[in-house]
C-alpha atoms as a PDB file:
ATOM      1  CA  MET A   1       0.159   0.007  -0.035  1.00  0.00           C
ATOM      2  CA  ALA A   2       1.545   3.511  -0.986  1.00  0.00           C
ATOM      3  CA  GLY A   3       0.829   7.118   0.481  1.00  0.00           C
ATOM      4  CA  THR A   4       1.604   8.086   4.085  1.00  0.00           C
ATOM      5  CA  ILE A   5      -0.586   6.302   6.682  1.00  0.00           C
ATOM      6  CA  LEU A   6      -1.554   7.918   9.432  1.00  0.00           C
ATOM      7  CA  VAL A   7      -2.741   5.766  12.409  1.00  0.00           C
ATOM      8  CA  ASP A   8      -5.682   6.496  15.113  1.00  0.00           C
ATOM      9  CA  SER A   9      -5.987   4.705  18.559  1.00  0.00           C
ATOM     10  CA  GLY A  10      -8.681   2.244  17.161  1.00  0.00           C
ATOM     11  CA  PRO A  11      -6.201   0.251  14.609  1.00  0.00           C
ATOM     12  CA  LEU A  12      -3.737   0.149  17.782  1.00  0.00           C
ATOM     13  CA  VAL A  13      -5.980  -0.917  20.247  1.00  0.00           C
ATOM     14  CA  ALA A  14      -7.160  -3.286  17.768  1.00  0.00           C
ATOM     15  CA  VAL A  15      -3.568  -4.790  16.796  1.00  0.00           C
ATOM     16  CA  LEU A  16      -2.560  -5.636  20.197  1.00  0.00           C
ATOM     17  CA  SER A  17      -5.681  -7.056  21.626  1.00  0.00           C
ATOM     18  CA  ARG A  18      -6.967 -10.390  20.356  1.00  0.00           C
ATOM     19  CA  ARG A  19     -10.294 -10.033  21.996  1.00  0.00           C
ATOM     20  CA  ASP A  20     -11.090  -6.582  19.581  1.00  0.00           C
ATOM     21  CA  LYS A  21     -13.664  -7.520  17.041  1.00  0.00           C
ATOM     22  CA  HIS A  22     -11.291  -5.763  14.646  1.00  0.00           C
ATOM     23  CA  HIS A  23      -7.912  -7.634  15.710  1.00  0.00           C
ATOM     24  CA  SER A  24      -7.939  -9.661  12.538  1.00  0.00           C
ATOM     25  CA  TRP A  25      -8.679  -6.557  10.114  1.00  0.00           C
ATOM     26  CA  ALA A  26      -5.924  -4.541  11.843  1.00  0.00           C
ATOM     27  CA  ARG A  27      -3.412  -6.868  11.960  1.00  0.00           C
ATOM     28  CA  SER A  28      -3.658  -7.949   8.332  1.00  0.00           C
ATOM     29  CA  HIS A  29      -3.112  -4.416   7.520  1.00  0.00           C
ATOM     30  CA  PHE A  30      -0.361  -3.968   9.666  1.00  0.00           C
ATOM     31  CA  GLU A  31       1.227  -6.824   8.381  1.00  0.00           C
ATOM     32  CA  ALA A  32       0.401  -5.222   4.622  1.00  0.00           C
ATOM     33  CA  PHE A  33       2.237  -2.014   5.527  1.00  0.00           C
ATOM     34  CA  THR A  34       5.894  -1.353   4.283  1.00  0.00           C
ATOM     35  CA  GLU A  35       6.458   1.842   5.680  1.00  0.00           C
ATOM     36  CA  SER A  36       5.807   3.334   9.066  1.00  0.00           C
ATOM     37  CA  LEU A  37       2.878   4.659  10.260  1.00  0.00           C
ATOM     38  CA  LEU A  38       2.712   8.288  11.565  1.00  0.00           C
ATOM     39  CA  THR A  39       0.755   9.423  14.447  1.00  0.00           C
ATOM     40  CA  CYS A  40       0.788  12.145  17.332  1.00  0.00           C
ATOM     41  CA  GLU A  41       0.975  12.108  21.158  1.00  0.00           C
ATOM     42  CA  ALA A  42      -2.794  12.482  21.616  1.00  0.00           C
ATOM     43  CA  VAL A  43      -3.397   9.153  19.605  1.00  0.00           C
ATOM     44  CA  LEU A  44      -0.748   7.358  21.560  1.00  0.00           C
ATOM     45  CA  SER A  45      -2.140   8.473  25.248  1.00  0.00           C
ATOM     46  CA  GLU A  46      -5.625   7.665  24.252  1.00  0.00           C
ATOM     47  CA  THR A  47      -3.927   4.127  23.029  1.00  0.00           C
ATOM     48  CA  PHE A  48      -2.117   3.228  26.340  1.00  0.00           C
ATOM     49  CA  PHE A  49      -5.377   4.525  28.257  1.00  0.00           C
ATOM     50  CA  LEU A  50      -7.579   1.954  26.493  1.00  0.00           C
ATOM     51  CA  ILE A  51      -4.950  -0.808  27.081  1.00  0.00           C
ATOM     52  CA  GLU A  52      -3.950  -0.261  30.294  1.00  0.00           C
ATOM     53  CA  ASP A  53      -5.927  -3.609  31.412  1.00  0.00           C
ATOM     54  CA  ILE A  54      -4.593  -5.710  28.538  1.00  0.00           C
ATOM     55  CA  HIS A  55      -1.986  -7.930  29.449  1.00  0.00           C
ATOM     56  CA  GLY A  56       1.618  -6.906  28.216  1.00  0.00           C
ATOM     57  CA  ALA A  57       0.058  -4.733  25.476  1.00  0.00           C
ATOM     58  CA  SER A  58       1.588  -1.678  26.713  1.00  0.00           C
ATOM     59  CA  ASP A  59       5.255  -3.244  26.628  1.00  0.00           C
ATOM     60  CA  ARG A  60       4.097  -4.155  22.714  1.00  0.00           C
ATOM     61  CA  LEU A  61       3.114  -0.602  21.711  1.00  0.00           C
ATOM     62  CA  GLY A  62       6.305   0.601  22.851  1.00  0.00           C
ATOM     63  CA  GLN A  63       7.908  -2.083  20.946  1.00  0.00           C
ATOM     64  CA  LEU A  64       6.344  -0.812  17.821  1.00  0.00           C
ATOM     65  CA  LEU A  65       7.501   2.962  18.944  1.00  0.00           C
ATOM     66  CA  ALA A  66      10.834   1.812  19.464  1.00  0.00           C
ATOM     67  CA  ARG A  67      11.307  -0.324  16.512  1.00  0.00           C
ATOM     68  CA  GLY A  68      10.107   2.587  14.169  1.00  0.00           C
ATOM     69  CA  VAL A  69       6.644   0.754  13.104  1.00  0.00           C
ATOM     70  CA  VAL A  70       4.668   3.773  14.643  1.00  0.00           C
ATOM     71  CA  LEU A  71       6.384   7.186  14.273  1.00  0.00           C
ATOM     72  CA  VAL A  72       5.266  10.257  16.122  1.00  0.00           C
ATOM     73  CA  ASP A  73       5.093  13.186  13.715  1.00  0.00           C
ATOM     74  CA  PHE A  74       3.070  15.841  15.033  1.00  0.00           C
ATOM     75  CA  GLY A  75       3.740  18.836  17.508  1.00  0.00           C
ATOM     76  CA  LEU A  76       1.068  20.089  19.053  1.00  0.00           C
ATOM     77  CA  PRO A  77       2.263  23.674  20.080  1.00  0.00           C
ATOM     78  CA  ASP A  78       3.254  23.813  16.182  1.00  0.00           C
ATOM     79  CA  HIS A  79      -0.349  23.319  15.454  1.00  0.00           C
ATOM     80  CA  LEU A  80      -2.329  24.276  18.489  1.00  0.00           C
ATOM     81  CA  THR A  81      -4.509  26.996  17.007  1.00  0.00           C
ATOM     82  CA  ARG A  82      -5.856  25.123  14.116  1.00  0.00           C
ATOM     83  CA  VAL A  83      -6.521  21.873  16.490  1.00  0.00           C
ATOM     84  CA  LEU A  84      -8.666  24.170  18.556  1.00  0.00           C
ATOM     85  CA  ASP A  85     -10.376  25.382  15.292  1.00  0.00           C
ATOM     86  CA  LEU A  86     -11.140  22.048  14.291  1.00  0.00           C
ATOM     87  CA  MET A  87     -12.517  20.857  17.743  1.00  0.00           C
ATOM     88  CA  ARG A  88     -14.641  24.211  17.822  1.00  0.00           C
ATOM     89  CA  SER A  89     -16.265  23.547  14.370  1.00  0.00           C
ATOM     90  CA  TYR A  90     -16.920  19.810  15.279  1.00  0.00           C
ATOM     91  CA  ARG A  91     -18.229  19.988  18.723  1.00  0.00           C
ATOM     92  CA  ASP A  92     -21.300  18.889  18.255  1.00  0.00           C
ATOM     93  CA  VAL A  93     -19.841  15.476  17.082  1.00  0.00           C
ATOM     94  CA  PRO A  94     -17.575  15.915  19.309  1.00  0.00           C
ATOM     95  CA  MET A  95     -13.955  15.603  17.793  1.00  0.00           C
ATOM     96  CA  SER A  96     -11.345  14.215  20.582  1.00  0.00           C
ATOM     97  CA  LEU A  97      -7.768  16.228  20.936  1.00  0.00           C
ATOM     98  CA  ALA A  98      -6.652  13.165  19.046  1.00  0.00           C
ATOM     99  CA  ASP A  99      -8.953  13.021  15.883  1.00  0.00           C
ATOM    100  CA  ALA A 100      -7.935  16.743  15.461  1.00  0.00           C
ATOM    101  CA  CYS A 101      -4.441  16.226  15.659  1.00  0.00           C
ATOM    102  CA  LEU A 102      -4.749  14.076  13.058  1.00  0.00           C
ATOM    103  CA  VAL A 103      -6.931  15.542  11.017  1.00  0.00           C
ATOM    104  CA  CYS A 104      -4.261  18.491  11.458  1.00  0.00           C
ATOM    105  CA  LEU A 105      -1.872  15.772  10.217  1.00  0.00           C
ATOM    106  CA  ALA A 106      -3.596  14.876   7.536  1.00  0.00           C
ATOM    107  CA  GLU A 107      -3.700  18.209   6.123  1.00  0.00           C
ATOM    108  CA  GLU A 108       0.289  18.503   6.338  1.00  0.00           C
ATOM    109  CA  LYS A 109       0.783  15.278   5.160  1.00  0.00           C
ATOM    110  CA  GLY A 110      -0.903  15.411   1.169  1.00  0.00           C
ATOM    111  CA  GLY A 111      -2.067  12.059  -0.235  1.00  0.00           C
ATOM    112  CA  SER A 112      -2.208  10.656   3.470  1.00  0.00           C
ATOM    113  CA  ARG A 113      -5.131   8.181   4.628  1.00  0.00           C
ATOM    114  CA  VAL A 114      -5.933   7.616   8.344  1.00  0.00           C
ATOM    115  CA  PHE A 115      -5.985   4.306   9.532  1.00  0.00           C
ATOM    116  CA  THR A 116      -9.154   4.054  11.871  1.00  0.00           C
ATOM    117  CA  THR A 117     -11.587   2.592  13.158  1.00  0.00           C
ATOM    118  CA  ASP A 118     -13.675   5.680  13.922  1.00  0.00           C
ATOM    119  CA  SER A 119     -16.540   6.454  11.891  1.00  0.00           C
ATOM    120  CA  ASP A 120     -16.207  10.411  12.413  1.00  0.00           C
ATOM    121  CA  PHE A 121     -13.561  10.870  10.006  1.00  0.00           C
ATOM    122  CA  GLY A 122     -16.337  10.163   7.549  1.00  0.00           C
ATOM    123  CA  THR A 123     -17.572  13.243   9.276  1.00  0.00           C
ATOM    124  CA  TYR A 124     -14.420  15.247   9.600  1.00  0.00           C
ATOM    125  CA  ARG A 125     -12.891  17.542   6.317  1.00  0.00           C
ATOM    126  CA  LYS A 126      -9.231  18.424   6.084  1.00  0.00           C
ATOM    127  CA  ASN A 127      -8.683  22.295   4.556  1.00  0.00           C
ATOM    128  CA  LYS A 128     -12.470  22.891   5.623  1.00  0.00           C
ATOM    129  CA  ARG A 129     -13.869  20.887   2.419  1.00  0.00           C
ATOM    130  CA  GLN A 130     -11.834  17.895   1.716  1.00  0.00           C
ATOM    131  CA  VAL A 131     -12.615  14.547   2.566  1.00  0.00           C
ATOM    132  CA  ILE A 132     -10.101  12.608   4.426  1.00  0.00           C
ATOM    133  CA  PRO A 133      -9.328   9.429   2.766  1.00  0.00           C
ATOM    134  CA  VAL A 134      -9.259   6.548   4.980  1.00  0.00           C
ATOM    135  CA  ILE A 135      -8.611   2.840   5.394  1.00  0.00           C
ATOM    136  CA  SER A 136     -11.502   1.247   7.770  1.00  0.00           C
ATOM    137  CA  PRO A 137     -13.441  -1.865   8.406  1.00  0.00           C
END
């Protein structure tokens, strides 16, 4: 699969938890990707929180980070105004900090796709009007 892949917490949780309903789907995609997956600190924070009760999952996520399978490629201080604007614009959804950071990262990384289990990415738009390509179940 070509192009930049931005990963959300859903696929990370799914690949780390055999009990997750999207585990097989997420695992097959992780195995097919040839490039590193990009994300933000907010997604990692959300993921670590969601997997805290899954034995060994935090260590496995740490290994994905240490091996460069997942890379952080976003600095909130540099994008704070845009992130807060997005969260305000989508307050009715509502938009999480992690989702706002990924939308902002999608704006920055032209031609990227968001790897997610979150249907809200069908509602969100980058650059105010552009559909965000997604990889989702």
